[in-house]
N, C-alpha and C. Protein backbone atom coordinates (compact mmCIF):
# COMPACT_ATOMS: atom_id res chain seq x y z
N UNK A 1 3.53 -13.98 17.46
CA UNK A 1 2.95 -13.05 18.43
C UNK A 1 3.19 -11.62 18.00
N UNK A 2 2.27 -10.73 18.35
CA UNK A 2 2.40 -9.34 17.98
C UNK A 2 3.14 -8.57 19.07
N UNK A 3 3.98 -7.64 18.64
CA UNK A 3 4.69 -6.79 19.59
C UNK A 3 3.71 -5.84 20.25
N UNK A 4 3.96 -5.45 21.50
CA UNK A 4 3.08 -4.49 22.16
C UNK A 4 3.03 -3.17 21.41
N UNK A 5 1.83 -2.62 21.21
CA UNK A 5 1.67 -1.34 20.56
C UNK A 5 1.44 -0.29 21.63
N UNK A 6 2.32 0.69 21.71
CA UNK A 6 2.23 1.72 22.74
C UNK A 6 1.95 3.06 22.09
N UNK A 7 1.03 3.82 22.71
CA UNK A 7 0.79 5.17 22.20
C UNK A 7 1.90 6.09 22.73
N UNK A 8 1.90 7.40 22.31
CA UNK A 8 3.01 8.27 22.68
C UNK A 8 3.26 8.42 24.17
N UNK A 9 2.27 8.10 25.01
CA UNK A 9 2.51 8.23 26.45
C UNK A 9 2.66 6.84 27.10
N UNK A 10 2.83 5.82 26.26
CA UNK A 10 3.19 4.51 26.78
C UNK A 10 2.05 3.57 27.09
N UNK A 11 0.81 3.94 26.77
CA UNK A 11 -0.31 3.03 27.00
C UNK A 11 -0.32 1.92 25.96
N UNK A 12 -0.75 0.75 26.34
CA UNK A 12 -0.78 -0.39 25.45
C UNK A 12 -2.02 -0.30 24.56
N UNK A 13 -1.79 0.01 23.28
CA UNK A 13 -2.90 0.18 22.34
C UNK A 13 -3.60 -1.14 22.07
N UNK A 14 -2.88 -2.26 22.24
CA UNK A 14 -3.47 -3.56 21.98
C UNK A 14 -4.70 -3.82 22.85
N UNK A 15 -4.80 -3.13 23.98
CA UNK A 15 -5.95 -3.33 24.86
C UNK A 15 -7.24 -2.89 24.20
N UNK A 16 -7.16 -1.99 23.21
CA UNK A 16 -8.36 -1.49 22.55
C UNK A 16 -8.76 -2.34 21.35
N UNK A 17 -7.98 -3.36 21.03
CA UNK A 17 -8.26 -4.19 19.87
C UNK A 17 -9.37 -5.18 20.20
N UNK A 18 -10.33 -5.27 19.30
CA UNK A 18 -11.42 -6.23 19.49
C UNK A 18 -10.97 -7.62 19.07
N UNK A 19 -11.75 -8.61 19.46
CA UNK A 19 -11.42 -9.98 19.08
C UNK A 19 -11.46 -10.16 17.56
N UNK A 20 -12.39 -9.46 16.89
CA UNK A 20 -12.46 -9.54 15.43
C UNK A 20 -11.21 -8.95 14.80
N UNK A 21 -10.74 -7.82 15.35
CA UNK A 21 -9.53 -7.20 14.80
C UNK A 21 -8.31 -8.09 15.01
N UNK A 22 -8.23 -8.71 16.17
CA UNK A 22 -7.12 -9.61 16.44
C UNK A 22 -7.15 -10.80 15.48
N UNK A 23 -8.34 -11.30 15.20
CA UNK A 23 -8.47 -12.42 14.26
C UNK A 23 -8.03 -12.00 12.86
N UNK A 24 -8.35 -10.77 12.46
CA UNK A 24 -7.94 -10.27 11.15
C UNK A 24 -6.42 -10.12 11.10
N UNK A 25 -5.81 -9.64 12.18
CA UNK A 25 -4.35 -9.52 12.21
C UNK A 25 -3.71 -10.90 12.08
N UNK A 26 -4.28 -11.89 12.74
CA UNK A 26 -3.74 -13.25 12.65
C UNK A 26 -3.92 -13.82 11.25
N UNK A 27 -5.02 -13.44 10.60
CA UNK A 27 -5.27 -13.89 9.23
C UNK A 27 -4.21 -13.33 8.27
N UNK A 28 -3.89 -12.04 8.43
CA UNK A 28 -2.88 -11.42 7.59
C UNK A 28 -1.50 -11.99 7.91
N UNK A 29 -1.24 -12.24 9.19
CA UNK A 29 0.04 -12.83 9.57
C UNK A 29 0.20 -14.21 8.93
N UNK A 30 -0.89 -14.95 8.79
CA UNK A 30 -0.83 -16.26 8.15
C UNK A 30 -0.44 -16.14 6.68
N UNK A 31 -0.90 -15.06 6.02
CA UNK A 31 -0.51 -14.83 4.64
C UNK A 31 0.98 -14.56 4.58
N UNK A 32 1.49 -13.76 5.52
CA UNK A 32 2.94 -13.50 5.58
C UNK A 32 3.70 -14.81 5.73
N UNK A 33 3.27 -15.62 6.71
CA UNK A 33 4.01 -16.83 7.05
C UNK A 33 3.93 -17.89 5.96
N UNK A 34 2.85 -17.86 5.17
CA UNK A 34 2.69 -18.86 4.11
C UNK A 34 3.59 -18.57 2.93
N UNK A 35 4.12 -17.35 2.87
CA UNK A 35 5.01 -16.98 1.78
C UNK A 35 6.43 -17.36 2.16
N UNK A 36 6.78 -18.62 1.98
CA UNK A 36 8.06 -19.15 2.46
C UNK A 36 9.25 -18.53 1.77
N UNK A 37 9.04 -18.02 0.56
CA UNK A 37 10.16 -17.47 -0.21
C UNK A 37 10.36 -15.98 0.04
N UNK A 38 9.69 -15.46 1.04
CA UNK A 38 9.76 -14.02 1.28
C UNK A 38 11.19 -13.62 1.63
N UNK A 39 11.69 -12.61 0.93
CA UNK A 39 13.01 -12.05 1.21
C UNK A 39 12.83 -10.65 1.77
N UNK A 40 13.66 -10.28 2.72
CA UNK A 40 13.49 -8.98 3.33
C UNK A 40 14.04 -7.85 2.46
N UNK A 41 14.83 -8.18 1.47
CA UNK A 41 15.26 -7.20 0.51
C UNK A 41 14.95 -7.74 -0.88
N UNK A 42 14.31 -6.93 -1.69
CA UNK A 42 13.99 -7.35 -3.05
C UNK A 42 15.11 -6.89 -3.96
N UNK A 43 15.73 -7.84 -4.66
CA UNK A 43 16.87 -7.54 -5.50
C UNK A 43 16.41 -6.92 -6.81
N UNK A 44 17.18 -5.96 -7.32
CA UNK A 44 16.87 -5.37 -8.61
C UNK A 44 16.07 -4.09 -8.47
N UNK A 45 15.21 -3.86 -9.44
CA UNK A 45 14.43 -2.63 -9.48
C UNK A 45 13.19 -2.70 -8.61
N UNK A 46 12.39 -1.65 -8.65
CA UNK A 46 11.15 -1.64 -7.87
C UNK A 46 10.17 -2.68 -8.40
N UNK A 47 9.24 -3.08 -7.56
CA UNK A 47 8.24 -4.08 -7.95
C UNK A 47 7.11 -3.42 -8.71
N UNK A 48 6.67 -4.06 -9.77
CA UNK A 48 5.53 -3.57 -10.54
C UNK A 48 4.26 -4.07 -9.87
N UNK A 49 3.47 -3.15 -9.34
CA UNK A 49 2.22 -3.53 -8.68
C UNK A 49 1.10 -3.59 -9.70
N UNK A 50 0.94 -2.52 -10.47
CA UNK A 50 -0.08 -2.44 -11.51
C UNK A 50 0.61 -2.01 -12.80
N UNK A 51 0.47 -2.79 -13.84
CA UNK A 51 1.19 -2.55 -15.09
C UNK A 51 0.97 -1.13 -15.61
N UNK A 52 2.06 -0.54 -16.07
CA UNK A 52 2.04 0.79 -16.70
C UNK A 52 1.59 1.90 -15.76
N UNK A 53 1.65 1.63 -14.44
CA UNK A 53 1.16 2.65 -13.52
C UNK A 53 1.90 2.67 -12.19
N UNK A 54 1.77 1.63 -11.38
CA UNK A 54 2.15 1.72 -9.97
C UNK A 54 3.33 0.80 -9.66
N UNK A 55 4.37 1.41 -9.04
CA UNK A 55 5.58 0.69 -8.65
C UNK A 55 5.79 0.87 -7.15
N UNK A 56 6.36 -0.14 -6.51
CA UNK A 56 6.66 -0.10 -5.08
C UNK A 56 8.14 -0.42 -4.89
N UNK A 57 8.86 0.47 -4.20
CA UNK A 57 10.28 0.25 -4.07
C UNK A 57 10.89 0.89 -2.85
N UNK A 58 12.21 1.06 -2.90
CA UNK A 58 12.94 1.56 -1.74
C UNK A 58 13.61 2.91 -2.03
N UNK A 59 14.35 3.40 -1.06
CA UNK A 59 14.96 4.72 -1.17
C UNK A 59 15.99 4.78 -2.29
N UNK A 60 16.74 3.71 -2.48
CA UNK A 60 17.74 3.71 -3.54
C UNK A 60 17.09 3.77 -4.92
N UNK A 61 15.98 3.09 -5.10
CA UNK A 61 15.26 3.19 -6.36
C UNK A 61 14.86 4.64 -6.64
N UNK A 62 14.38 5.31 -5.60
CA UNK A 62 13.88 6.67 -5.77
C UNK A 62 14.98 7.67 -6.08
N UNK A 63 16.22 7.33 -5.75
CA UNK A 63 17.34 8.22 -6.01
C UNK A 63 18.12 7.85 -7.27
N UNK A 64 17.65 6.87 -8.01
CA UNK A 64 18.33 6.40 -9.21
C UNK A 64 17.64 6.97 -10.44
N UNK A 65 18.11 8.12 -10.90
CA UNK A 65 17.43 8.80 -12.00
C UNK A 65 17.45 7.96 -13.28
N UNK A 66 18.55 7.28 -13.54
CA UNK A 66 18.64 6.46 -14.75
C UNK A 66 17.57 5.37 -14.73
N UNK A 67 17.42 4.69 -13.59
CA UNK A 67 16.42 3.64 -13.45
C UNK A 67 15.01 4.20 -13.64
N UNK A 68 14.74 5.33 -13.01
CA UNK A 68 13.40 5.92 -13.10
C UNK A 68 13.08 6.32 -14.54
N UNK A 69 14.05 6.85 -15.23
CA UNK A 69 13.82 7.24 -16.62
C UNK A 69 13.61 6.03 -17.51
N UNK A 70 14.36 4.95 -17.25
CA UNK A 70 14.17 3.72 -18.02
C UNK A 70 12.77 3.15 -17.83
N UNK A 71 12.25 3.26 -16.61
CA UNK A 71 10.91 2.75 -16.30
C UNK A 71 9.81 3.75 -16.63
N UNK A 72 10.20 4.92 -17.10
CA UNK A 72 9.25 5.99 -17.48
C UNK A 72 8.38 6.41 -16.30
N UNK A 73 8.99 6.43 -15.13
CA UNK A 73 8.30 6.89 -13.92
C UNK A 73 8.40 8.40 -13.83
N UNK A 74 7.26 9.03 -13.67
CA UNK A 74 7.21 10.49 -13.63
C UNK A 74 6.99 11.03 -12.21
N UNK A 75 6.26 10.27 -11.40
CA UNK A 75 5.87 10.74 -10.07
C UNK A 75 6.50 9.86 -9.00
N UNK A 76 6.90 10.47 -7.89
CA UNK A 76 7.48 9.75 -6.76
C UNK A 76 6.73 10.16 -5.50
N UNK A 77 6.22 9.17 -4.79
CA UNK A 77 5.57 9.40 -3.50
C UNK A 77 6.47 8.82 -2.43
N UNK A 78 7.13 9.71 -1.69
CA UNK A 78 8.14 9.36 -0.70
C UNK A 78 7.53 9.43 0.69
N UNK A 79 7.45 8.28 1.38
CA UNK A 79 6.85 8.26 2.72
C UNK A 79 7.85 7.82 3.78
N UNK A 80 9.13 8.06 3.54
CA UNK A 80 10.13 7.78 4.58
C UNK A 80 10.66 9.09 5.17
N UNK A 81 11.56 8.97 6.13
CA UNK A 81 12.05 10.14 6.85
C UNK A 81 12.99 11.00 6.01
N UNK A 82 13.61 10.41 5.00
CA UNK A 82 14.67 11.09 4.27
C UNK A 82 14.16 11.74 3.01
N UNK A 83 14.76 12.86 2.67
CA UNK A 83 14.42 13.55 1.44
C UNK A 83 15.24 12.99 0.27
N UNK A 84 14.67 13.06 -0.92
CA UNK A 84 15.37 12.64 -2.13
C UNK A 84 16.26 13.80 -2.57
N UNK A 85 17.53 13.51 -2.80
CA UNK A 85 18.48 14.58 -3.10
C UNK A 85 19.23 14.38 -4.41
N UNK A 86 19.11 13.22 -5.03
CA UNK A 86 19.93 12.94 -6.19
C UNK A 86 19.17 12.97 -7.51
N UNK A 87 18.01 13.60 -7.53
CA UNK A 87 17.22 13.68 -8.75
C UNK A 87 17.12 15.12 -9.23
N UNK A 88 16.95 15.27 -10.53
CA UNK A 88 16.68 16.58 -11.12
C UNK A 88 15.20 16.89 -10.87
N UNK A 89 14.90 17.88 -10.02
CA UNK A 89 13.49 18.15 -9.69
C UNK A 89 12.66 18.61 -10.88
N UNK A 90 13.31 19.02 -11.96
CA UNK A 90 12.57 19.44 -13.14
C UNK A 90 12.04 18.25 -13.92
N UNK A 91 12.59 17.07 -13.66
CA UNK A 91 12.20 15.88 -14.41
C UNK A 91 11.17 15.00 -13.70
N UNK A 92 10.94 15.26 -12.41
CA UNK A 92 10.06 14.40 -11.64
C UNK A 92 9.16 15.23 -10.72
N UNK A 93 7.97 14.70 -10.50
CA UNK A 93 7.05 15.26 -9.51
C UNK A 93 7.22 14.46 -8.23
N UNK A 94 7.71 15.12 -7.18
CA UNK A 94 8.02 14.43 -5.92
C UNK A 94 7.11 14.93 -4.81
N UNK A 95 6.40 14.01 -4.18
CA UNK A 95 5.58 14.33 -3.01
C UNK A 95 6.20 13.63 -1.80
N UNK A 96 6.56 14.41 -0.79
CA UNK A 96 7.21 13.85 0.39
C UNK A 96 6.29 13.97 1.60
N UNK A 97 5.92 12.83 2.17
CA UNK A 97 5.15 12.78 3.41
C UNK A 97 6.02 12.03 4.42
N UNK A 98 6.80 12.75 5.23
CA UNK A 98 7.74 12.07 6.14
C UNK A 98 7.02 11.30 7.24
N UNK A 99 7.28 10.01 7.30
CA UNK A 99 6.65 9.13 8.29
C UNK A 99 7.71 8.25 8.94
N UNK A 100 7.54 7.99 10.21
CA UNK A 100 8.40 7.04 10.91
C UNK A 100 7.79 5.65 10.85
N UNK A 101 8.63 4.63 10.69
CA UNK A 101 8.13 3.25 10.67
C UNK A 101 8.00 2.80 12.12
N UNK A 102 6.97 3.32 12.76
CA UNK A 102 6.73 3.08 14.18
C UNK A 102 5.28 2.70 14.36
N UNK A 103 5.00 1.75 15.22
CA UNK A 103 3.64 1.24 15.36
C UNK A 103 2.64 2.30 15.83
N UNK A 104 3.11 3.39 16.43
CA UNK A 104 2.19 4.43 16.89
C UNK A 104 2.05 5.57 15.90
N UNK A 105 2.77 5.53 14.78
CA UNK A 105 2.63 6.56 13.75
C UNK A 105 1.24 6.49 13.14
N UNK A 106 0.58 7.64 13.06
CA UNK A 106 -0.76 7.70 12.46
C UNK A 106 -0.62 7.81 10.95
N UNK A 107 -0.52 6.68 10.28
CA UNK A 107 -0.39 6.69 8.83
C UNK A 107 -1.75 6.83 8.15
N UNK A 108 -2.79 6.43 8.85
CA UNK A 108 -4.13 6.46 8.25
C UNK A 108 -4.57 7.89 7.91
N UNK A 109 -4.10 8.87 8.67
CA UNK A 109 -4.51 10.24 8.40
C UNK A 109 -4.11 10.71 7.01
N UNK A 110 -3.18 10.01 6.37
CA UNK A 110 -2.70 10.40 5.04
C UNK A 110 -3.36 9.61 3.92
N UNK A 111 -4.21 8.63 4.25
CA UNK A 111 -4.76 7.76 3.21
C UNK A 111 -5.56 8.55 2.17
N UNK A 112 -6.38 9.49 2.60
CA UNK A 112 -7.19 10.25 1.63
C UNK A 112 -6.30 10.98 0.64
N UNK A 113 -5.27 11.61 1.15
CA UNK A 113 -4.37 12.37 0.28
C UNK A 113 -3.61 11.45 -0.68
N UNK A 114 -3.04 10.37 -0.16
CA UNK A 114 -2.26 9.50 -1.03
C UNK A 114 -3.15 8.75 -2.02
N UNK A 115 -4.33 8.35 -1.60
CA UNK A 115 -5.26 7.70 -2.52
C UNK A 115 -5.64 8.62 -3.67
N UNK A 116 -5.94 9.86 -3.35
CA UNK A 116 -6.33 10.82 -4.38
C UNK A 116 -5.18 11.11 -5.34
N UNK A 117 -3.96 11.21 -4.79
CA UNK A 117 -2.79 11.43 -5.65
C UNK A 117 -2.61 10.27 -6.63
N UNK A 118 -2.64 9.07 -6.11
CA UNK A 118 -2.45 7.91 -6.97
C UNK A 118 -3.57 7.78 -8.00
N UNK A 119 -4.78 8.06 -7.59
CA UNK A 119 -5.90 8.02 -8.53
C UNK A 119 -5.72 9.06 -9.64
N UNK A 120 -5.21 10.22 -9.28
CA UNK A 120 -4.96 11.27 -10.26
C UNK A 120 -3.92 10.81 -11.29
N UNK A 121 -2.84 10.19 -10.80
CA UNK A 121 -1.81 9.69 -11.72
C UNK A 121 -2.37 8.58 -12.61
N UNK A 122 -3.21 7.73 -12.04
CA UNK A 122 -3.83 6.65 -12.81
C UNK A 122 -4.66 7.22 -13.95
N UNK A 123 -5.48 8.21 -13.65
CA UNK A 123 -6.34 8.79 -14.67
C UNK A 123 -5.54 9.49 -15.77
N UNK A 124 -4.38 10.03 -15.41
CA UNK A 124 -3.52 10.68 -16.39
C UNK A 124 -2.67 9.68 -17.18
N UNK A 125 -2.76 8.39 -16.77
CA UNK A 125 -1.95 7.33 -17.40
C UNK A 125 -0.46 7.62 -17.23
N UNK A 126 -0.09 8.07 -16.02
CA UNK A 126 1.30 8.39 -15.70
C UNK A 126 1.79 7.45 -14.61
N UNK A 127 3.07 7.10 -14.66
CA UNK A 127 3.63 6.11 -13.75
C UNK A 127 4.13 6.74 -12.46
N UNK A 128 3.96 6.00 -11.38
CA UNK A 128 4.35 6.50 -10.05
C UNK A 128 5.09 5.42 -9.27
N UNK A 129 6.14 5.84 -8.57
CA UNK A 129 6.85 4.98 -7.61
C UNK A 129 6.47 5.41 -6.20
N UNK A 130 5.97 4.48 -5.40
CA UNK A 130 5.74 4.72 -3.98
C UNK A 130 6.88 4.02 -3.24
N UNK A 131 7.54 4.76 -2.35
CA UNK A 131 8.68 4.16 -1.67
C UNK A 131 8.82 4.66 -0.25
N UNK A 132 9.54 3.86 0.56
CA UNK A 132 10.01 4.30 1.87
C UNK A 132 11.48 3.93 1.93
N UNK A 133 11.99 3.49 3.06
CA UNK A 133 13.40 3.13 3.13
C UNK A 133 13.69 1.81 2.41
N UNK A 134 12.88 0.79 2.70
CA UNK A 134 13.12 -0.54 2.13
C UNK A 134 11.96 -1.05 1.29
N UNK A 135 10.86 -0.30 1.22
CA UNK A 135 9.71 -0.77 0.45
C UNK A 135 8.99 -1.92 1.11
N UNK A 136 8.98 -1.94 2.43
CA UNK A 136 8.42 -3.07 3.17
C UNK A 136 7.20 -2.70 4.01
N UNK A 137 7.27 -1.61 4.77
CA UNK A 137 6.23 -1.30 5.74
C UNK A 137 5.43 -0.05 5.38
N UNK A 138 6.06 1.12 5.42
CA UNK A 138 5.32 2.37 5.19
C UNK A 138 4.72 2.45 3.79
N UNK A 139 5.56 2.25 2.78
CA UNK A 139 5.07 2.37 1.41
C UNK A 139 4.10 1.25 1.07
N UNK A 140 4.33 0.05 1.61
CA UNK A 140 3.40 -1.05 1.38
C UNK A 140 2.03 -0.73 1.97
N UNK A 141 2.00 -0.09 3.13
CA UNK A 141 0.74 0.29 3.76
C UNK A 141 -0.02 1.29 2.89
N UNK A 142 0.69 2.26 2.34
CA UNK A 142 0.06 3.25 1.45
C UNK A 142 -0.53 2.58 0.23
N UNK A 143 0.21 1.65 -0.36
CA UNK A 143 -0.27 0.95 -1.55
C UNK A 143 -1.48 0.06 -1.21
N UNK A 144 -1.45 -0.61 -0.08
CA UNK A 144 -2.58 -1.44 0.33
C UNK A 144 -3.84 -0.60 0.52
N UNK A 145 -3.71 0.57 1.12
CA UNK A 145 -4.87 1.45 1.29
C UNK A 145 -5.44 1.85 -0.06
N UNK A 146 -4.57 2.12 -1.01
CA UNK A 146 -5.03 2.49 -2.36
C UNK A 146 -5.76 1.32 -3.02
N UNK A 147 -5.20 0.12 -2.93
CA UNK A 147 -5.82 -1.04 -3.56
C UNK A 147 -7.21 -1.30 -2.98
N UNK A 148 -7.36 -1.12 -1.67
CA UNK A 148 -8.67 -1.32 -1.06
C UNK A 148 -9.66 -0.25 -1.51
N UNK A 149 -9.22 1.00 -1.48
CA UNK A 149 -10.11 2.12 -1.78
C UNK A 149 -10.54 2.14 -3.24
N UNK A 150 -9.57 2.00 -4.14
CA UNK A 150 -9.87 2.23 -5.55
C UNK A 150 -10.00 0.98 -6.38
N UNK A 151 -9.72 -0.18 -5.81
CA UNK A 151 -9.93 -1.41 -6.56
C UNK A 151 -10.85 -2.37 -5.83
N UNK A 152 -11.53 -1.87 -4.78
CA UNK A 152 -12.63 -2.59 -4.13
C UNK A 152 -12.23 -3.92 -3.50
N UNK A 153 -10.98 -4.06 -3.11
CA UNK A 153 -10.53 -5.33 -2.56
C UNK A 153 -10.46 -5.30 -1.04
N UNK A 154 -10.81 -6.42 -0.41
CA UNK A 154 -10.62 -6.54 1.02
C UNK A 154 -9.13 -6.49 1.33
N UNK A 155 -8.80 -6.27 2.58
CA UNK A 155 -7.40 -6.25 2.97
C UNK A 155 -6.74 -7.60 2.72
N UNK A 156 -7.48 -8.68 2.97
CA UNK A 156 -6.93 -10.01 2.71
C UNK A 156 -6.56 -10.18 1.24
N UNK A 157 -7.47 -9.79 0.36
CA UNK A 157 -7.21 -9.92 -1.08
C UNK A 157 -6.09 -9.00 -1.52
N UNK A 158 -6.12 -7.76 -1.05
CA UNK A 158 -5.10 -6.79 -1.44
C UNK A 158 -3.72 -7.23 -0.95
N UNK A 159 -3.66 -7.73 0.28
CA UNK A 159 -2.38 -8.18 0.83
C UNK A 159 -1.85 -9.38 0.04
N UNK A 160 -2.74 -10.33 -0.24
CA UNK A 160 -2.32 -11.49 -1.01
C UNK A 160 -1.82 -11.11 -2.39
N UNK A 161 -2.49 -10.14 -3.00
CA UNK A 161 -2.08 -9.65 -4.32
C UNK A 161 -0.71 -8.97 -4.24
N UNK A 162 -0.54 -8.10 -3.24
CA UNK A 162 0.68 -7.32 -3.17
C UNK A 162 1.89 -8.17 -2.78
N UNK A 163 1.68 -9.16 -1.92
CA UNK A 163 2.81 -9.98 -1.49
C UNK A 163 3.33 -10.83 -2.66
N UNK A 164 2.48 -11.11 -3.63
CA UNK A 164 2.94 -11.80 -4.83
C UNK A 164 3.81 -10.89 -5.69
N UNK A 165 3.48 -9.60 -5.68
CA UNK A 165 4.24 -8.64 -6.46
C UNK A 165 5.55 -8.27 -5.79
N UNK A 166 5.51 -8.17 -4.46
CA UNK A 166 6.71 -7.81 -3.68
C UNK A 166 6.71 -8.65 -2.41
N UNK A 167 7.37 -9.80 -2.43
CA UNK A 167 7.29 -10.74 -1.30
C UNK A 167 7.78 -10.20 0.03
N UNK A 168 8.56 -9.12 0.03
CA UNK A 168 9.14 -8.61 1.28
C UNK A 168 8.20 -7.73 2.07
N UNK A 169 7.01 -7.41 1.57
CA UNK A 169 6.15 -6.47 2.29
C UNK A 169 5.79 -6.99 3.68
N UNK A 170 5.76 -6.07 4.64
CA UNK A 170 5.42 -6.46 6.02
C UNK A 170 5.10 -5.20 6.83
N UNK A 171 3.90 -4.62 6.66
CA UNK A 171 3.54 -3.46 7.47
C UNK A 171 3.65 -3.79 8.96
N UNK A 172 4.14 -2.82 9.74
CA UNK A 172 4.24 -3.09 11.17
C UNK A 172 2.84 -3.27 11.77
N UNK A 173 2.78 -3.82 12.98
CA UNK A 173 1.49 -4.18 13.57
C UNK A 173 0.55 -2.99 13.73
N UNK A 174 1.10 -1.82 14.04
CA UNK A 174 0.26 -0.63 14.17
C UNK A 174 -0.35 -0.23 12.85
N UNK A 175 0.44 -0.30 11.77
CA UNK A 175 -0.08 0.02 10.44
C UNK A 175 -1.13 -1.00 10.02
N UNK A 176 -0.88 -2.27 10.35
CA UNK A 176 -1.83 -3.31 9.99
C UNK A 176 -3.17 -3.10 10.68
N UNK A 177 -3.12 -2.72 11.95
CA UNK A 177 -4.36 -2.43 12.68
C UNK A 177 -5.10 -1.26 12.05
N UNK A 178 -4.38 -0.24 11.64
CA UNK A 178 -5.02 0.91 10.98
C UNK A 178 -5.63 0.51 9.65
N UNK A 179 -5.00 -0.38 8.92
CA UNK A 179 -5.57 -0.87 7.65
C UNK A 179 -6.85 -1.67 7.91
N UNK A 180 -6.86 -2.46 8.97
CA UNK A 180 -8.06 -3.24 9.31
C UNK A 180 -9.22 -2.32 9.64
N UNK A 181 -8.95 -1.24 10.36
CA UNK A 181 -10.01 -0.30 10.72
C UNK A 181 -10.44 0.52 9.51
N UNK A 182 -9.51 0.79 8.61
CA UNK A 182 -9.84 1.47 7.36
C UNK A 182 -10.73 0.58 6.51
N UNK A 183 -10.44 -0.70 6.48
CA UNK A 183 -11.27 -1.66 5.74
C UNK A 183 -12.70 -1.63 6.27
N UNK A 184 -12.87 -1.56 7.57
CA UNK A 184 -14.21 -1.50 8.16
C UNK A 184 -14.98 -0.30 7.62
N UNK A 185 -14.31 0.85 7.56
CA UNK A 185 -14.97 2.06 7.05
C UNK A 185 -15.38 1.88 5.59
N UNK A 186 -14.51 1.27 4.79
CA UNK A 186 -14.82 1.08 3.37
C UNK A 186 -15.94 0.08 3.17
N UNK A 187 -16.04 -0.90 4.05
CA UNK A 187 -17.16 -1.84 3.98
C UNK A 187 -18.46 -1.13 4.33
N UNK A 188 -18.42 -0.27 5.32
CA UNK A 188 -19.63 0.45 5.73
C UNK A 188 -20.12 1.38 4.63
N UNK A 189 -19.21 1.96 3.86
CA UNK A 189 -19.61 2.84 2.75
C UNK A 189 -19.79 2.08 1.45
N UNK A 190 -19.69 0.74 1.52
CA UNK A 190 -19.90 -0.16 0.39
C UNK A 190 -18.92 0.10 -0.75
N UNK A 191 -17.73 0.57 -0.41
CA UNK A 191 -16.69 0.73 -1.42
C UNK A 191 -15.91 -0.56 -1.63
N UNK A 192 -15.93 -1.41 -0.62
CA UNK A 192 -15.47 -2.78 -0.79
C UNK A 192 -16.51 -3.69 -0.14
N UNK A 193 -16.47 -4.95 -0.48
CA UNK A 193 -17.46 -5.91 0.00
C UNK A 193 -16.79 -6.90 0.93
N UNK A 194 -17.34 -7.07 2.11
CA UNK A 194 -16.79 -8.06 3.03
C UNK A 194 -17.04 -9.45 2.47
N UNK A 195 -16.24 -10.40 2.90
CA UNK A 195 -16.33 -11.75 2.36
C UNK A 195 -17.65 -12.42 2.72
N UNK A 196 -18.29 -11.94 3.79
CA UNK A 196 -19.54 -12.57 4.23
C UNK A 196 -20.78 -11.78 3.82
N UNK A 197 -20.58 -10.57 3.26
CA UNK A 197 -21.72 -9.71 2.94
C UNK A 197 -22.27 -10.03 1.56
N UNK A 198 -23.54 -9.73 1.39
CA UNK A 198 -24.16 -9.96 0.09
C UNK A 198 -24.49 -8.67 -0.64
N UNK A 199 -24.15 -7.52 -0.04
CA UNK A 199 -24.50 -6.25 -0.66
C UNK A 199 -23.57 -5.97 -1.84
N UNK A 200 -24.13 -5.33 -2.85
CA UNK A 200 -23.33 -4.99 -4.02
C UNK A 200 -22.48 -3.76 -3.74
N UNK A 201 -21.42 -3.62 -4.51
CA UNK A 201 -20.52 -2.48 -4.33
C UNK A 201 -21.12 -1.22 -4.93
N UNK A 202 -20.73 -0.10 -4.34
CA UNK A 202 -21.17 1.20 -4.86
C UNK A 202 -20.21 1.66 -5.95
N UNK A 203 -20.07 0.87 -7.02
CA UNK A 203 -19.08 1.15 -8.03
C UNK A 203 -19.47 2.32 -8.93
N UNK A 204 -20.72 2.73 -8.87
CA UNK A 204 -21.09 3.90 -9.67
C UNK A 204 -20.36 5.14 -9.18
N UNK A 205 -19.96 5.15 -7.92
CA UNK A 205 -19.20 6.28 -7.37
C UNK A 205 -17.70 6.07 -7.48
N UNK A 206 -17.28 4.89 -7.84
CA UNK A 206 -15.86 4.56 -7.90
C UNK A 206 -15.70 3.45 -8.94
N UNK A 207 -15.67 3.82 -10.23
CA UNK A 207 -15.82 2.83 -11.29
C UNK A 207 -14.56 2.07 -11.67
N UNK A 208 -13.43 2.27 -10.96
CA UNK A 208 -12.21 1.55 -11.30
C UNK A 208 -12.43 0.05 -11.11
N UNK A 209 -11.84 -0.75 -12.00
CA UNK A 209 -12.01 -2.19 -11.94
C UNK A 209 -11.32 -2.79 -10.73
N UNK A 210 -11.76 -3.99 -10.38
CA UNK A 210 -11.08 -4.73 -9.33
C UNK A 210 -9.70 -5.15 -9.84
N UNK A 211 -8.87 -5.68 -8.94
CA UNK A 211 -7.52 -6.07 -9.34
C UNK A 211 -7.55 -7.16 -10.40
N UNK A 212 -8.46 -8.13 -10.26
CA UNK A 212 -8.55 -9.19 -11.25
C UNK A 212 -9.02 -8.63 -12.59
N UNK A 213 -9.95 -7.69 -12.56
CA UNK A 213 -10.40 -7.05 -13.79
C UNK A 213 -9.29 -6.24 -14.42
N UNK A 214 -8.51 -5.55 -13.59
CA UNK A 214 -7.38 -4.75 -14.09
C UNK A 214 -6.38 -5.65 -14.81
N UNK A 215 -6.00 -6.76 -14.18
CA UNK A 215 -5.02 -7.65 -14.79
C UNK A 215 -5.57 -8.29 -16.06
N UNK A 216 -6.85 -8.66 -16.06
CA UNK A 216 -7.45 -9.25 -17.26
C UNK A 216 -7.44 -8.25 -18.41
N UNK A 217 -7.73 -6.99 -18.12
CA UNK A 217 -7.73 -5.97 -19.15
C UNK A 217 -6.35 -5.82 -19.78
N UNK A 218 -5.31 -5.83 -18.94
CA UNK A 218 -3.97 -5.65 -19.46
C UNK A 218 -3.49 -6.86 -20.24
N UNK A 219 -3.90 -8.06 -19.82
CA UNK A 219 -3.55 -9.25 -20.59
C UNK A 219 -4.24 -9.22 -21.94
N UNK A 220 -5.49 -8.79 -21.95
CA UNK A 220 -6.26 -8.72 -23.20
C UNK A 220 -5.67 -7.72 -24.17
N UNK A 221 -5.13 -6.60 -23.62
CA UNK A 221 -4.61 -5.54 -24.45
C UNK A 221 -3.21 -5.80 -24.96
N UNK A 222 -2.55 -6.81 -24.42
CA UNK A 222 -1.18 -7.10 -24.85
C UNK A 222 -1.14 -7.75 -26.22
């Protein structure tokens, strides 16, 4: 069952959810529940989401300069409440967007900015760590938005892909609802294709490969 979502003045946001949105939330929850080996803390370093580019991790990863240098990570996108204090700012590009892991936090308002930042790092062939406190909710939501926008994947596909890379991911219900509504917008602009639609993607405006194409390219190049 989903926890009640309350706006800042205490109204139940769940009342505005359509039956289709509720079904999508249940679909994503089924992906969570099917991952029996999911651990709430991922041991070791940050998770590699996209080879040679995108990492997802926690606050301790972001403050470990030795680890970041070993992984050749140049950029850090910090979406938790705390500032990074243990790094040499001359060695890293740090973007801090302070967000609370709360179901009423408007994380969607930052998707355009974070997507563009990540796309910029991708084009420069530079590595980036996206993190929050535990690498489970806030940072996972940011990465999911990027995968949908720039790799043309539905939320179901993107979530299934990301949970394989980092089994502990679990965006809170408010973030999940915002991702579902973001997916609707991307389907309307034909940047991703719904599972039931027959329309082709508008890839001429966004030529990055899908996740399967990305992985195939990297396997081929190895």
